[in-house]
Amino acid sequence: MIQQNSDKQELLTFRETSEWIKVKVPTLRKWAAQRKMPTVRIGRGLRVPAKWVSEQIQAGYQPAVDAKEVGR
C-alpha cells in the first residue's frame, strides 16, 4: 500500500503505476500524451500522482451482486 504524508504527495513512475493497475507502460504514455491522466515533470521524466491512481480505482469500483438478485 502506498502511504502519503499530509504535506507530500506520492509520485509514481510509469512502471510503478503500470504494476499497480496492470496497464502497460505504453498505454500510460499514450494517456499522458492525450492528457487523460495528470502527470508531473521531474527533470526529463514524468510521474503520476498516486492519489489520482487511487481515485480512479475507487471511481471504477463496483460492489459484488448476489447471484440470486441478478435474475430478478
PDB file of N, CA and C in Angstrom:
ATOM      1  N   MET A   1       0.851  -1.179   0.000  1.00  0.00           N
ATOM      2  CA  MET A   1       0.000   0.000   0.000  1.00  0.00           C
ATOM      3  C   MET A   1       0.892   1.235   0.000  1.00  0.00           C
ATOM      4  N   ILE A   2       0.522   2.215  -0.736  1.00  0.00           N
ATOM      5  CA  ILE A   2       1.292   3.445  -0.822  1.00  0.00           C
ATOM      6  C   ILE A   2       0.803   4.399   0.252  1.00  0.00           C
ATOM      7  N   GLN A   3       1.732   4.887   1.053  1.00  0.00           N
ATOM      8  CA  GLN A   3       1.375   5.814   2.113  1.00  0.00           C
ATOM      9  C   GLN A   3       1.733   7.225   1.699  1.00  0.00           C
ATOM     10  N   GLN A   4       0.892   8.164   2.126  1.00  0.00           N
ATOM     11  CA  GLN A   4       1.127   9.559   1.782  1.00  0.00           C
ATOM     12  C   GLN A   4       1.242  10.376   3.056  1.00  0.00           C
ATOM     13  N   ASN A   5       2.213  11.268   3.091  1.00  0.00           N
ATOM     14  CA  ASN A   5       2.299  12.233   4.171  1.00  0.00           C
ATOM     15  C   ASN A   5       1.319  13.349   3.869  1.00  0.00           C
ATOM     16  N   SER A   6       0.851  14.031   4.884  1.00  0.00           N
ATOM     17  CA  SER A   6      -0.131  15.085   4.659  1.00  0.00           C
ATOM     18  C   SER A   6       0.464  16.251   3.876  1.00  0.00           C
ATOM     19  N   ASP A   7       1.765  16.474   3.993  1.00  0.00           N
ATOM     20  CA  ASP A   7       2.378  17.605   3.302  1.00  0.00           C
ATOM     21  C   ASP A   7       3.087  17.212   2.009  1.00  0.00           C
ATOM     22  N   LYS A   8       3.152  15.925   1.702  1.00  0.00           N
ATOM     23  CA  LYS A   8       3.820  15.466   0.487  1.00  0.00           C
ATOM     24  C   LYS A   8       2.881  14.592  -0.314  1.00  0.00           C
ATOM     25  N   GLN A   9       2.999  14.698  -1.622  1.00  0.00           N
ATOM     26  CA  GLN A   9       2.199  13.852  -2.492  1.00  0.00           C
ATOM     27  C   GLN A   9       3.099  12.791  -3.095  1.00  0.00           C
ATOM     28  N   GLU A  10       2.673  11.553  -2.985  1.00  0.00           N
ATOM     29  CA  GLU A  10       3.428  10.436  -3.544  1.00  0.00           C
ATOM     30  C   GLU A  10       3.336  10.479  -5.066  1.00  0.00           C
ATOM     31  N   LEU A  11       4.472  10.381  -5.718  1.00  0.00           N
ATOM     32  CA  LEU A  11       4.530  10.364  -7.177  1.00  0.00           C
ATOM     33  C   LEU A  11       5.101   9.025  -7.622  1.00  0.00           C
ATOM     34  N   LEU A  12       4.457   8.430  -8.604  1.00  0.00           N
ATOM     35  CA  LEU A  12       4.847   7.115  -9.097  1.00  0.00           C
ATOM     36  C   LEU A  12       5.466   7.213 -10.483  1.00  0.00           C
ATOM     37  N   THR A  13       6.415   6.340 -10.751  1.00  0.00           N
ATOM     38  CA  THR A  13       6.931   6.225 -12.116  1.00  0.00           C
ATOM     39  C   THR A  13       5.872   5.516 -12.964  1.00  0.00           C
ATOM     40  N   PHE A  14       6.044   5.566 -14.259  1.00  0.00           N
ATOM     41  CA  PHE A  14       5.109   4.860 -15.126  1.00  0.00           C
ATOM     42  C   PHE A  14       5.165   3.357 -14.855  1.00  0.00           C
ATOM     43  N   ARG A  15       6.339   2.841 -14.573  1.00  0.00           N
ATOM     44  CA  ARG A  15       6.482   1.409 -14.286  1.00  0.00           C
ATOM     45  C   ARG A  15       5.725   1.038 -13.006  1.00  0.00           C
ATOM     46  N   GLU A  16       5.875   1.850 -11.953  1.00  0.00           N
ATOM     47  CA  GLU A  16       5.156   1.593 -10.701  1.00  0.00           C
ATOM     48  C   GLU A  16       3.642   1.659 -10.915  1.00  0.00           C
ATOM     49  N   THR A  17       3.209   2.650 -11.677  1.00  0.00           N
ATOM     50  CA  THR A  17       1.784   2.791 -11.974  1.00  0.00           C
ATOM     51  C   THR A  17       1.293   1.584 -12.762  1.00  0.00           C
ATOM     52  N   SER A  18       2.085   1.161 -13.733  1.00  0.00           N
ATOM     53  CA  SER A  18       1.748   0.016 -14.559  1.00  0.00           C
ATOM     54  C   SER A  18       1.574  -1.249 -13.711  1.00  0.00           C
ATOM     55  N   GLU A  19       2.482  -1.461 -12.796  1.00  0.00           N
ATOM     56  CA  GLU A  19       2.415  -2.644 -11.937  1.00  0.00           C
ATOM     57  C   GLU A  19       1.208  -2.582 -11.007  1.00  0.00           C
ATOM     58  N   TRP A  20       0.852  -1.401 -10.546  1.00  0.00           N
ATOM     59  CA  TRP A  20      -0.249  -1.241  -9.605  1.00  0.00           C
ATOM     60  C   TRP A  20      -1.601  -1.500 -10.275  1.00  0.00           C
ATOM     61  N   ILE A  21      -1.814  -0.916 -11.463  1.00  0.00           N
ATOM     62  CA  ILE A  21      -3.139  -1.024 -12.090  1.00  0.00           C
ATOM     63  C   ILE A  21      -3.164  -2.004 -13.262  1.00  0.00           C
ATOM     64  N   LYS A  22      -2.056  -2.687 -13.500  1.00  0.00           N
ATOM     65  CA  LYS A  22      -1.993  -3.724 -14.546  1.00  0.00           C
ATOM     66  C   LYS A  22      -2.325  -3.182 -15.929  1.00  0.00           C
ATOM     67  N   VAL A  23      -1.766  -2.029 -16.242  1.00  0.00           N
ATOM     68  CA  VAL A  23      -1.889  -1.416 -17.565  1.00  0.00           C
ATOM     69  C   VAL A  23      -0.466  -1.253 -18.101  1.00  0.00           C
ATOM     70  N   LYS A  24      -0.255  -1.545 -19.354  1.00  0.00           N
ATOM     71  CA  LYS A  24       1.093  -1.469 -19.920  1.00  0.00           C
ATOM     72  C   LYS A  24       1.607  -0.030 -19.963  1.00  0.00           C
ATOM     73  N   VAL A  25       2.924   0.108 -19.819  1.00  0.00           N
ATOM     74  CA  VAL A  25       3.565   1.421 -19.820  1.00  0.00           C
ATOM     75  C   VAL A  25       3.249   2.216 -21.091  1.00  0.00           C
ATOM     76  N   PRO A  26       3.287   1.613 -22.290  1.00  0.00           N
ATOM     77  CA  PRO A  26       2.943   2.398 -23.484  1.00  0.00           C
ATOM     78  C   PRO A  26       1.528   2.988 -23.419  1.00  0.00           C
ATOM     79  N   THR A  27       0.612   2.268 -22.810  1.00  0.00           N
ATOM     80  CA  THR A  27      -0.747   2.790 -22.649  1.00  0.00           C
ATOM     81  C   THR A  27      -0.737   4.007 -21.734  1.00  0.00           C
ATOM     82  N   LEU A  28       0.032   3.945 -20.659  1.00  0.00           N
ATOM     83  CA  LEU A  28       0.140   5.091 -19.747  1.00  0.00           C
ATOM     84  C   LEU A  28       0.757   6.294 -20.462  1.00  0.00           C
ATOM     85  N   ARG A  29       1.772   6.034 -21.274  1.00  0.00           N
ATOM     86  CA  ARG A  29       2.391   7.135 -22.023  1.00  0.00           C
ATOM     87  C   ARG A  29       1.389   7.766 -23.002  1.00  0.00           C
ATOM     88  N   LYS A  30       0.573   6.922 -23.625  1.00  0.00           N
ATOM     89  CA  LYS A  30      -0.460   7.413 -24.537  1.00  0.00           C
ATOM     90  C   LYS A  30      -1.465   8.274 -23.785  1.00  0.00           C
ATOM     91  N   TRP A  31      -1.921   7.797 -22.620  1.00  0.00           N
ATOM     92  CA  TRP A  31      -2.863   8.572 -21.813  1.00  0.00           C
ATOM     93  C   TRP A  31      -2.267   9.909 -21.403  1.00  0.00           C
ATOM     94  N   ALA A  32      -0.987   9.904 -21.059  1.00  0.00           N
ATOM     95  CA  ALA A  32      -0.320  11.151 -20.663  1.00  0.00           C
ATOM     96  C   ALA A  32      -0.258  12.118 -21.839  1.00  0.00           C
ATOM     97  N   ALA A  33       0.090  11.601 -23.021  1.00  0.00           N
ATOM     98  CA  ALA A  33       0.168  12.446 -24.221  1.00  0.00           C
ATOM     99  C   ALA A  33      -1.203  13.016 -24.588  1.00  0.00           C
ATOM    100  N   GLN A  34      -2.246  12.243 -24.340  1.00  0.00           N
ATOM    101  CA  GLN A  34      -3.612  12.680 -24.633  1.00  0.00           C
ATOM    102  C   GLN A  34      -4.214  13.490 -23.478  1.00  0.00           C
ATOM    103  N   ARG A  35      -3.441  13.666 -22.447  1.00  0.00           N
ATOM    104  CA  ARG A  35      -3.872  14.387 -21.234  1.00  0.00           C
ATOM    105  C   ARG A  35      -5.104  13.758 -20.596  1.00  0.00           C
ATOM    106  N   LYS A  36      -5.151  12.426 -20.616  1.00  0.00           N
ATOM    107  CA  LYS A  36      -6.227  11.698 -19.960  1.00  0.00           C
ATOM    108  C   LYS A  36      -5.897  11.407 -18.503  1.00  0.00           C
ATOM    109  N   MET A  37      -4.657  11.657 -18.114  1.00  0.00           N
ATOM    110  CA  MET A  37      -4.253  11.496 -16.720  1.00  0.00           C
ATOM    111  C   MET A  37      -3.253  12.589 -16.371  1.00  0.00           C
ATOM    112  N   PRO A  38      -3.245  13.008 -15.113  1.00  0.00           N
ATOM    113  CA  PRO A  38      -2.313  14.053 -14.720  1.00  0.00           C
ATOM    114  C   PRO A  38      -0.891  13.510 -14.580  1.00  0.00           C
ATOM    115  N   THR A  39       0.067  14.324 -14.904  1.00  0.00           N
ATOM    116  CA  THR A  39       1.471  13.956 -14.730  1.00  0.00           C
ATOM    117  C   THR A  39       2.228  15.144 -14.157  1.00  0.00           C
ATOM    118  N   VAL A  40       3.362  14.842 -13.565  1.00  0.00           N
ATOM    119  CA  VAL A  40       4.245  15.866 -13.016  1.00  0.00           C
ATOM    120  C   VAL A  40       5.621  15.633 -13.626  1.00  0.00           C
ATOM    121  N   ARG A  41       6.184  16.653 -14.211  1.00  0.00           N
ATOM    122  CA  ARG A  41       7.517  16.527 -14.802  1.00  0.00           C
ATOM    123  C   ARG A  41       8.566  16.726 -13.715  1.00  0.00           C
ATOM    124  N   ILE A  42       9.443  15.730 -13.587  1.00  0.00           N
ATOM    125  CA  ILE A  42      10.584  15.795 -12.678  1.00  0.00           C
ATOM    126  C   ILE A  42      11.818  15.614 -13.550  1.00  0.00           C
ATOM    127  N   GLY A  43      12.525  16.702 -13.804  1.00  0.00           N
ATOM    128  CA  GLY A  43      13.648  16.634 -14.735  1.00  0.00           C
ATOM    129  C   GLY A  43      13.139  16.279 -16.114  1.00  0.00           C
ATOM    130  N   ARG A  44      13.666  15.197 -16.689  1.00  0.00           N
ATOM    131  CA  ARG A  44      13.209  14.753 -18.004  1.00  0.00           C
ATOM    132  C   ARG A  44      12.099  13.712 -17.926  1.00  0.00           C
ATOM    133  N   GLY A  45      11.817  13.228 -16.716  1.00  0.00           N
ATOM    134  CA  GLY A  45      10.825  12.170 -16.555  1.00  0.00           C
ATOM    135  C   GLY A  45       9.468  12.675 -16.120  1.00  0.00           C
ATOM    136  N   LEU A  46       8.481  11.844 -16.299  1.00  0.00           N
ATOM    137  CA  LEU A  46       7.126  12.145 -15.857  1.00  0.00           C
ATOM    138  C   LEU A  46       6.761  11.211 -14.710  1.00  0.00           C
ATOM    139  N   ARG A  47       5.984  11.727 -13.784  1.00  0.00           N
ATOM    140  CA  ARG A  47       5.486  10.933 -12.667  1.00  0.00           C
ATOM    141  C   ARG A  47       3.973  11.076 -12.618  1.00  0.00           C
ATOM    142  N   VAL A  48       3.340  10.085 -12.010  1.00  0.00           N
ATOM    143  CA  VAL A  48       1.885  10.064 -11.887  1.00  0.00           C
ATOM    144  C   VAL A  48       1.534  10.198 -10.398  1.00  0.00           C
ATOM    145  N   PRO A  49       0.649  11.111 -10.051  1.00  0.00           N
ATOM    146  CA  PRO A  49       0.236  11.233  -8.651  1.00  0.00           C
ATOM    147  C   PRO A  49      -0.483   9.960  -8.180  1.00  0.00           C
ATOM    148  N   ALA A  50      -0.005   9.366  -7.097  1.00  0.00           N
ATOM    149  CA  ALA A  50      -0.615   8.153  -6.558  1.00  0.00           C
ATOM    150  C   ALA A  50      -2.058   8.405  -6.151  1.00  0.00           C
ATOM    151  N   LYS A  51      -2.351   9.604  -5.689  1.00  0.00           N
ATOM    152  CA  LYS A  51      -3.711   9.943  -5.283  1.00  0.00           C
ATOM    153  C   LYS A  51      -4.669   9.802  -6.470  1.00  0.00           C
ATOM    154  N   TRP A  52      -4.247  10.227  -7.656  1.00  0.00           N
ATOM    155  CA  TRP A  52      -5.092  10.116  -8.844  1.00  0.00           C
ATOM    156  C   TRP A  52      -5.366   8.647  -9.162  1.00  0.00           C
ATOM    157  N   VAL A  53      -4.335   7.809  -9.088  1.00  0.00           N
ATOM    158  CA  VAL A  53      -4.500   6.381  -9.388  1.00  0.00           C
ATOM    159  C   VAL A  53      -5.504   5.775  -8.405  1.00  0.00           C
ATOM    160  N   SER A  54      -5.335   6.084  -7.137  1.00  0.00           N
ATOM    161  CA  SER A  54      -6.236   5.572  -6.115  1.00  0.00           C
ATOM    162  C   SER A  54      -7.672   6.035  -6.352  1.00  0.00           C
ATOM    163  N   GLU A  55      -7.848   7.293  -6.725  1.00  0.00           N
ATOM    164  CA  GLU A  55      -9.184   7.834  -7.004  1.00  0.00           C
ATOM    165  C   GLU A  55      -9.820   7.134  -8.204  1.00  0.00           C
ATOM    166  N   GLN A  56      -9.016   6.813  -9.221  1.00  0.00           N
ATOM    167  CA  GLN A  56      -9.542   6.121 -10.394  1.00  0.00           C
ATOM    168  C   GLN A  56     -10.001   4.711 -10.036  1.00  0.00           C
ATOM    169  N   ILE A  57      -9.251   4.051  -9.171  1.00  0.00           N
ATOM    170  CA  ILE A  57      -9.643   2.712  -8.725  1.00  0.00           C
ATOM    171  C   ILE A  57     -10.962   2.797  -7.965  1.00  0.00           C
ATOM    172  N   GLN A  58     -11.072   3.753  -7.068  1.00  0.00           N
ATOM    173  CA  GLN A  58     -12.310   3.916  -6.293  1.00  0.00           C
ATOM    174  C   GLN A  58     -13.487   4.273  -7.196  1.00  0.00           C
ATOM    175  N   ALA A  59     -13.272   5.110  -8.175  1.00  0.00           N
ATOM    176  CA  ALA A  59     -14.347   5.528  -9.080  1.00  0.00           C
ATOM    177  C   ALA A  59     -14.858   4.361  -9.927  1.00  0.00           C
ATOM    178  N   GLY A  60     -13.997   3.418 -10.219  1.00  0.00           N
ATOM    179  CA  GLY A  60     -14.379   2.278 -11.041  1.00  0.00           C
ATOM    180  C   GLY A  60     -14.880   1.087 -10.254  1.00  0.00           C
ATOM    181  N   TYR A  61     -14.858   1.204  -8.933  1.00  0.00           N
ATOM    182  CA  TYR A  61     -15.266   0.094  -8.075  1.00  0.00           C
ATOM    183  C   TYR A  61     -16.758  -0.190  -8.205  1.00  0.00           C
ATOM    184  N   GLN A  62     -17.096  -1.452  -8.399  1.00  0.00           N
ATOM    185  CA  GLN A  62     -18.494  -1.870  -8.439  1.00  0.00           C
ATOM    186  C   GLN A  62     -18.663  -2.998  -7.430  1.00  0.00           C
ATOM    187  N   PRO A  63     -19.556  -2.825  -6.465  1.00  0.00           N
ATOM    188  CA  PRO A  63     -19.737  -3.873  -5.459  1.00  0.00           C
ATOM    189  C   PRO A  63     -20.297  -5.156  -6.087  1.00  0.00           C
ATOM    190  N   ALA A  64     -19.989  -6.270  -5.466  1.00  0.00           N
ATOM    191  CA  ALA A  64     -20.489  -7.563  -5.950  1.00  0.00           C
ATOM    192  C   ALA A  64     -22.002  -7.616  -5.776  1.00  0.00           C
ATOM    193  N   VAL A  65     -22.629  -8.344  -6.667  1.00  0.00           N
ATOM    194  CA  VAL A  65     -24.077  -8.530  -6.626  1.00  0.00           C
ATOM    195  C   VAL A  65     -24.345  -9.991  -6.308  1.00  0.00           C
ATOM    196  N   ASP A  66     -25.293 -10.226  -5.428  1.00  0.00           N
ATOM    197  CA  ASP A  66     -25.685 -11.587  -5.085  1.00  0.00           C
ATOM    198  C   ASP A  66     -26.269 -12.252  -6.330  1.00  0.00           C
ATOM    199  N   ALA A  67     -25.821 -13.446  -6.655  1.00  0.00           N
ATOM    200  CA  ALA A  67     -26.275 -14.148  -7.855  1.00  0.00           C
ATOM    201  C   ALA A  67     -27.783 -14.344  -7.858  1.00  0.00           C
ATOM    202  N   LYS A  68     -28.395 -14.434  -6.695  1.00  0.00           N
ATOM    203  CA  LYS A  68     -29.848 -14.595  -6.600  1.00  0.00           C
ATOM    204  C   LYS A  68     -30.572 -13.342  -7.066  1.00  0.00           C
ATOM    205  N   GLU A  69     -29.924 -12.191  -6.910  1.00  0.00           N
ATOM    206  CA  GLU A  69     -30.529 -10.904  -7.269  1.00  0.00           C
ATOM    207  C   GLU A  69     -30.407 -10.587  -8.759  1.00  0.00           C
ATOM    208  N   VAL A  70     -29.463 -11.199  -9.447  1.00  0.00           N
ATOM    209  CA  VAL A  70     -29.195 -10.904 -10.848  1.00  0.00           C
ATOM    210  C   VAL A  70     -30.383 -11.246 -11.739  1.00  0.00           C
ATOM    211  N   GLY A  71     -31.040 -12.362 -11.494  1.00  0.00           N
ATOM    212  CA  GLY A  71     -32.118 -12.833 -12.332  1.00  0.00           C
ATOM    213  C   GLY A  71     -33.450 -12.103 -12.118  1.00  0.00           C
ATOM    214  N   ARG A  72     -33.534 -11.259 -11.153  1.00  0.00           N
ATOM    215  CA  ARG A  72     -34.813 -10.587 -10.857  1.00  0.00           C
ATOM    216  C   ARG A  72     -35.062  -9.398 -11.713  1.00  0.00           C
TER     217      ARG A  72
END
